[in-house]
Structure formats: structure tokens, C-alpha cells
Amino acid sequence: QVQLVESGGGLVQAGGSLRLSCVASGRAFSWSTMGWFRQAPGKEREFVATVTWNGGSTGYADSVKGRFTISRDSAKNTVYLHMNSLKPEDTAVYLCAAKYRTRGSGWYVDEYDYWGQGTQVIVSS
């Protein structure tokens, strides 16, 4: 089992920045691909970013590319999402997820084995 706890969400003005954190406990963090997803009210959960087990490869949704950066610190069992130039349309609950299956790109909800509870991000215009 893996427990994932997100933090760092909040209310920010458009153009501002936030850093989300996700701390993992339980199963070996260093073996997992990690992802960030988000879900706005009434919408499907959507992919935001992913990072491989060693941090060597990352991927981003087009909507956040160039503004968000995913990183991980295996010594702290933590994955981060640095969000810059935030827009009102970035408002959502942000969830981190851990994937232990070796196949797949890390871009899809059903690839992931464990999920956190999420942290709310609200971007005001």
C-alpha cells in the first residue's frame, strides 16, 4: 500500500505561482512513476504532468506546458508541481498518483495504482 498526501493548494491571483507537494509513504517511492492530475467541478479528471521513477523523463499536458514543472526528491519521498503564470482555468482539485506498472506513458488515469485525496487550487481573475 501507498499513502499519498498533497499540500500547497490555496487561493492565488491570475499570474501568480504555487508549489504543490505530495509526500508518499508505504511502498518504495523510488520505484514509482508519479503523476499529477486535476479535476474541476463537473469535469473529468485530467492529466497534468508525470515524472518517471528516476526523474529522467517528464511529460506535460499541452494546457500547462511551459508554465508547470514536475519534479521529485526521492530522499524526501516527495513529488512537486511548480505552477507559474496561473490562469483561472487552472482552478481545480489537484491530485497526485503513483504508478508501479511498467507499461504505459503515465498520461492516463487508469494507469495509476494509488491516489491522494487532493488539494484545492483556486485562481482568481
C-alpha atoms as a PDB file:
ATOM      1  CA  GLN A   1       0.000   0.000   0.000  1.00  0.00           C
ATOM      2  CA  VAL A   2       0.997   3.583  -0.627  1.00  0.00           C
ATOM      3  CA  GLN A   3      -0.357   6.648   1.098  1.00  0.00           C
ATOM      4  CA  LEU A   4      -0.158   9.951  -0.746  1.00  0.00           C
ATOM      5  CA  VAL A   5      -0.778  13.297   0.931  1.00  0.00           C
ATOM      6  CA  GLU A   6      -0.919  16.509  -1.085  1.00  0.00           C
ATOM      7  CA  SER A   7      -0.433  20.033   0.218  1.00  0.00           C
ATOM      8  CA  GLY A   8       0.274  23.523  -1.019  1.00  0.00           C
ATOM      9  CA  GLY A   9      -3.013  24.447  -2.632  1.00  0.00           C
ATOM     10  CA  GLY A  10      -4.779  27.718  -1.984  1.00  0.00           C
ATOM     11  CA  LEU A  11      -6.202  30.883  -3.456  1.00  0.00           C
ATOM     12  CA  VAL A  12      -3.983  32.858  -5.816  1.00  0.00           C
ATOM     13  CA  GLN A  13      -4.491  35.663  -8.293  1.00  0.00           C
ATOM     14  CA  ALA A  14      -4.108  35.083 -12.014  1.00  0.00           C
ATOM     15  CA  GLY A  15      -0.450  35.284 -12.973  1.00  0.00           C
ATOM     16  CA  GLY A  16       0.669  34.034  -9.595  1.00  0.00           C
ATOM     17  CA  SER A  17       2.502  30.881  -8.557  1.00  0.00           C
ATOM     18  CA  LEU A  18       2.038  27.930  -6.251  1.00  0.00           C
ATOM     19  CA  ARG A  19       4.070  24.870  -5.393  1.00  0.00           C
ATOM     20  CA  LEU A  20       2.189  21.667  -4.656  1.00  0.00           C
ATOM     21  CA  SER A  21       3.802  18.835  -2.723  1.00  0.00           C
ATOM     22  CA  CYS A  22       2.868  15.172  -2.463  1.00  0.00           C
ATOM     23  CA  VAL A  23       4.501  13.041   0.219  1.00  0.00           C
ATOM     24  CA  ALA A  24       4.426   9.279  -0.221  1.00  0.00           C
ATOM     25  CA  SER A  25       4.670   6.612   2.433  1.00  0.00           C
ATOM     26  CA  GLY A  26       4.483   2.858   2.327  1.00  0.00           C
ATOM     27  CA  ARG A  27       5.740   1.056  -0.744  1.00  0.00           C
ATOM     28  CA  ALA A  28       9.071   2.117  -2.188  1.00  0.00           C
ATOM     29  CA  PHE A  29       8.618   5.560  -3.647  1.00  0.00           C
ATOM     30  CA  SER A  30      11.705   5.373  -5.811  1.00  0.00           C
ATOM     31  CA  TRP A  31      10.204   2.608  -7.962  1.00  0.00           C
ATOM     32  CA  SER A  32       7.118   4.552  -8.944  1.00  0.00           C
ATOM     33  CA  THR A  33       6.188   6.801 -11.795  1.00  0.00           C
ATOM     34  CA  MET A  34       4.366   9.773 -10.304  1.00  0.00           C
ATOM     35  CA  GLY A  35       1.678  11.908 -11.836  1.00  0.00           C
ATOM     36  CA  TRP A  36      -0.366  14.997 -11.128  1.00  0.00           C
ATOM     37  CA  PHE A  37      -3.958  15.197 -12.294  1.00  0.00           C
ATOM     38  CA  ARG A  38      -6.690  17.749 -11.714  1.00  0.00           C
ATOM     39  CA  GLN A  39     -10.442  17.734 -11.562  1.00  0.00           C
ATOM     40  CA  ALA A  40     -12.704  20.750 -11.813  1.00  0.00           C
ATOM     41  CA  PRO A  41     -16.361  20.629 -10.700  1.00  0.00           C
ATOM     42  CA  GLY A  42     -18.479  18.769 -13.219  1.00  0.00           C
ATOM     43  CA  LYS A  43     -15.491  17.768 -15.330  1.00  0.00           C
ATOM     44  CA  GLU A  44     -13.491  14.619 -15.905  1.00  0.00           C
ATOM     45  CA  ARG A  45     -10.201  14.100 -14.128  1.00  0.00           C
ATOM     46  CA  GLU A  46      -7.455  15.243 -16.481  1.00  0.00           C
ATOM     47  CA  PHE A  47      -3.750  14.639 -16.791  1.00  0.00           C
ATOM     48  CA  VAL A  48      -1.400  17.470 -15.832  1.00  0.00           C
ATOM     49  CA  ALA A  49       2.128  16.081 -15.589  1.00  0.00           C
ATOM     50  CA  THR A  50       4.150  12.941 -14.980  1.00  0.00           C
ATOM     51  CA  VAL A  51       7.709  12.060 -13.970  1.00  0.00           C
ATOM     52  CA  THR A  52       9.467   8.713 -14.238  1.00  0.00           C
ATOM     53  CA  TRP A  53      10.929   6.816 -11.302  1.00  0.00           C
ATOM     54  CA  ASN A  54      14.373   8.415 -11.616  1.00  0.00           C
ATOM     55  CA  GLY A  55      13.219  11.854 -12.694  1.00  0.00           C
ATOM     56  CA  GLY A  56      14.803  11.317 -16.053  1.00  0.00           C
ATOM     57  CA  SER A  57      11.707  11.885 -18.114  1.00  0.00           C
ATOM     58  CA  THR A  58       8.728  14.172 -17.711  1.00  0.00           C
ATOM     59  CA  GLY A  59       5.545  14.819 -19.637  1.00  0.00           C
ATOM     60  CA  TYR A  60       3.008  17.634 -19.595  1.00  0.00           C
ATOM     61  CA  ALA A  61      -0.446  18.361 -20.856  1.00  0.00           C
ATOM     62  CA  ASP A  62      -0.438  20.993 -23.575  1.00  0.00           C
ATOM     63  CA  SER A  63      -2.527  23.293 -21.380  1.00  0.00           C
ATOM     64  CA  VAL A  64       0.257  23.568 -18.766  1.00  0.00           C
ATOM     65  CA  LYS A  65       3.403  23.093 -20.832  1.00  0.00           C
ATOM     66  CA  GLY A  66       5.859  25.907 -20.241  1.00  0.00           C
ATOM     67  CA  ARG A  67       4.074  27.023 -17.067  1.00  0.00           C
ATOM     68  CA  PHE A  68       4.181  23.969 -14.775  1.00  0.00           C
ATOM     69  CA  THR A  69       7.174  21.859 -13.761  1.00  0.00           C
ATOM     70  CA  ILE A  70       7.068  18.446 -12.102  1.00  0.00           C
ATOM     71  CA  SER A  71       9.996  17.220 -10.032  1.00  0.00           C
ATOM     72  CA  ARG A  72      10.708  14.611  -7.397  1.00  0.00           C
ATOM     73  CA  ASP A  73      13.005  14.238  -4.412  1.00  0.00           C
ATOM     74  CA  SER A  74      13.399  10.555  -3.623  1.00  0.00           C
ATOM     75  CA  ALA A  75      15.289  11.296  -0.406  1.00  0.00           C
ATOM     76  CA  LYS A  76      12.144  13.023   0.862  1.00  0.00           C
ATOM     77  CA  ASN A  77       9.645  10.685  -0.831  1.00  0.00           C
ATOM     78  CA  THR A  78       8.096  13.783  -2.341  1.00  0.00           C
ATOM     79  CA  VAL A  79       6.928  14.899  -5.758  1.00  0.00           C
ATOM     80  CA  TYR A  80       6.343  18.559  -6.522  1.00  0.00           C
ATOM     81  CA  LEU A  81       4.330  20.551  -9.017  1.00  0.00           C
ATOM     82  CA  HIS A  82       5.610  24.070  -9.526  1.00  0.00           C
ATOM     83  CA  MET A  83       2.881  26.166 -11.116  1.00  0.00           C
ATOM     84  CA  ASN A  84       3.629  29.561 -12.623  1.00  0.00           C
ATOM     85  CA  SER A  85       1.551  32.048 -14.622  1.00  0.00           C
ATOM     86  CA  LEU A  86      -1.620  30.574 -13.206  1.00  0.00           C
ATOM     87  CA  LYS A  87      -4.889  31.141 -15.021  1.00  0.00           C
ATOM     88  CA  PRO A  88      -8.490  30.959 -13.771  1.00  0.00           C
ATOM     89  CA  GLU A  89      -8.946  27.820 -15.875  1.00  0.00           C
ATOM     90  CA  ASP A  90      -6.313  26.102 -13.721  1.00  0.00           C
ATOM     91  CA  THR A  91      -8.802  26.123 -10.844  1.00  0.00           C
ATOM     92  CA  ALA A  92      -9.374  22.520  -9.739  1.00  0.00           C
ATOM     93  CA  VAL A  93      -8.595  19.912  -7.132  1.00  0.00           C
ATOM     94  CA  TYR A  94      -5.097  18.659  -7.833  1.00  0.00           C
ATOM     95  CA  LEU A  95      -4.335  15.031  -7.079  1.00  0.00           C
ATOM     96  CA  CYS A  96      -1.093  13.122  -7.125  1.00  0.00           C
ATOM     97  CA  ALA A  97      -0.894   9.484  -8.095  1.00  0.00           C
ATOM     98  CA  ALA A  98       1.628   6.646  -8.055  1.00  0.00           C
ATOM     99  CA  LYS A  99       2.087   4.089 -10.787  1.00  0.00           C
ATOM    100  CA  TYR A 100       4.030   0.858 -10.346  1.00  0.00           C
ATOM    101  CA  ARG A 101       3.112  -0.826 -13.592  1.00  0.00           C
ATOM    102  CA  THR A 102       5.965  -0.560 -16.053  1.00  0.00           C
ATOM    103  CA  ARG A 103       3.853  -0.234 -19.169  1.00  0.00           C
ATOM    104  CA  GLY A 104       2.134   2.935 -20.212  1.00  0.00           C
ATOM    105  CA  SER A 105       3.031   6.558 -20.685  1.00  0.00           C
ATOM    106  CA  GLY A 106       1.791   7.828 -17.344  1.00  0.00           C
ATOM    107  CA  TRP A 107      -0.713  10.103 -19.051  1.00  0.00           C
ATOM    108  CA  TYR A 108      -3.910   8.209 -18.224  1.00  0.00           C
ATOM    109  CA  VAL A 109      -5.962   7.900 -15.051  1.00  0.00           C
ATOM    110  CA  ASP A 110      -6.366   4.130 -15.278  1.00  0.00           C
ATOM    111  CA  GLU A 111      -2.604   3.536 -15.332  1.00  0.00           C
ATOM    112  CA  TYR A 112      -2.244   4.609 -11.717  1.00  0.00           C
ATOM    113  CA  ASP A 113      -2.437   2.370  -8.688  1.00  0.00           C
ATOM    114  CA  TYR A 114      -2.692   4.841  -5.799  1.00  0.00           C
ATOM    115  CA  TRP A 115      -4.206   8.301  -5.383  1.00  0.00           C
ATOM    116  CA  GLY A 116      -4.094  11.069  -2.838  1.00  0.00           C
ATOM    117  CA  GLN A 117      -7.115  12.992  -1.590  1.00  0.00           C
ATOM    118  CA  GLY A 118      -6.209  16.154  -3.451  1.00  0.00           C
ATOM    119  CA  THR A 119      -5.537  19.802  -2.691  1.00  0.00           C
ATOM    120  CA  GLN A 120      -7.709  22.671  -3.906  1.00  0.00           C
ATOM    121  CA  VAL A 121      -6.272  25.362  -6.163  1.00  0.00           C
ATOM    122  CA  ILE A 122      -8.372  28.451  -6.878  1.00  0.00           C
ATOM    123  CA  VAL A 123      -7.119  31.070  -9.302  1.00  0.00           C
ATOM    124  CA  SER A 124      -8.997  34.367  -9.240  1.00  0.00           C
ATOM    125  CA  SER A 125      -9.163  36.691 -12.219  1.00  0.00           C
END
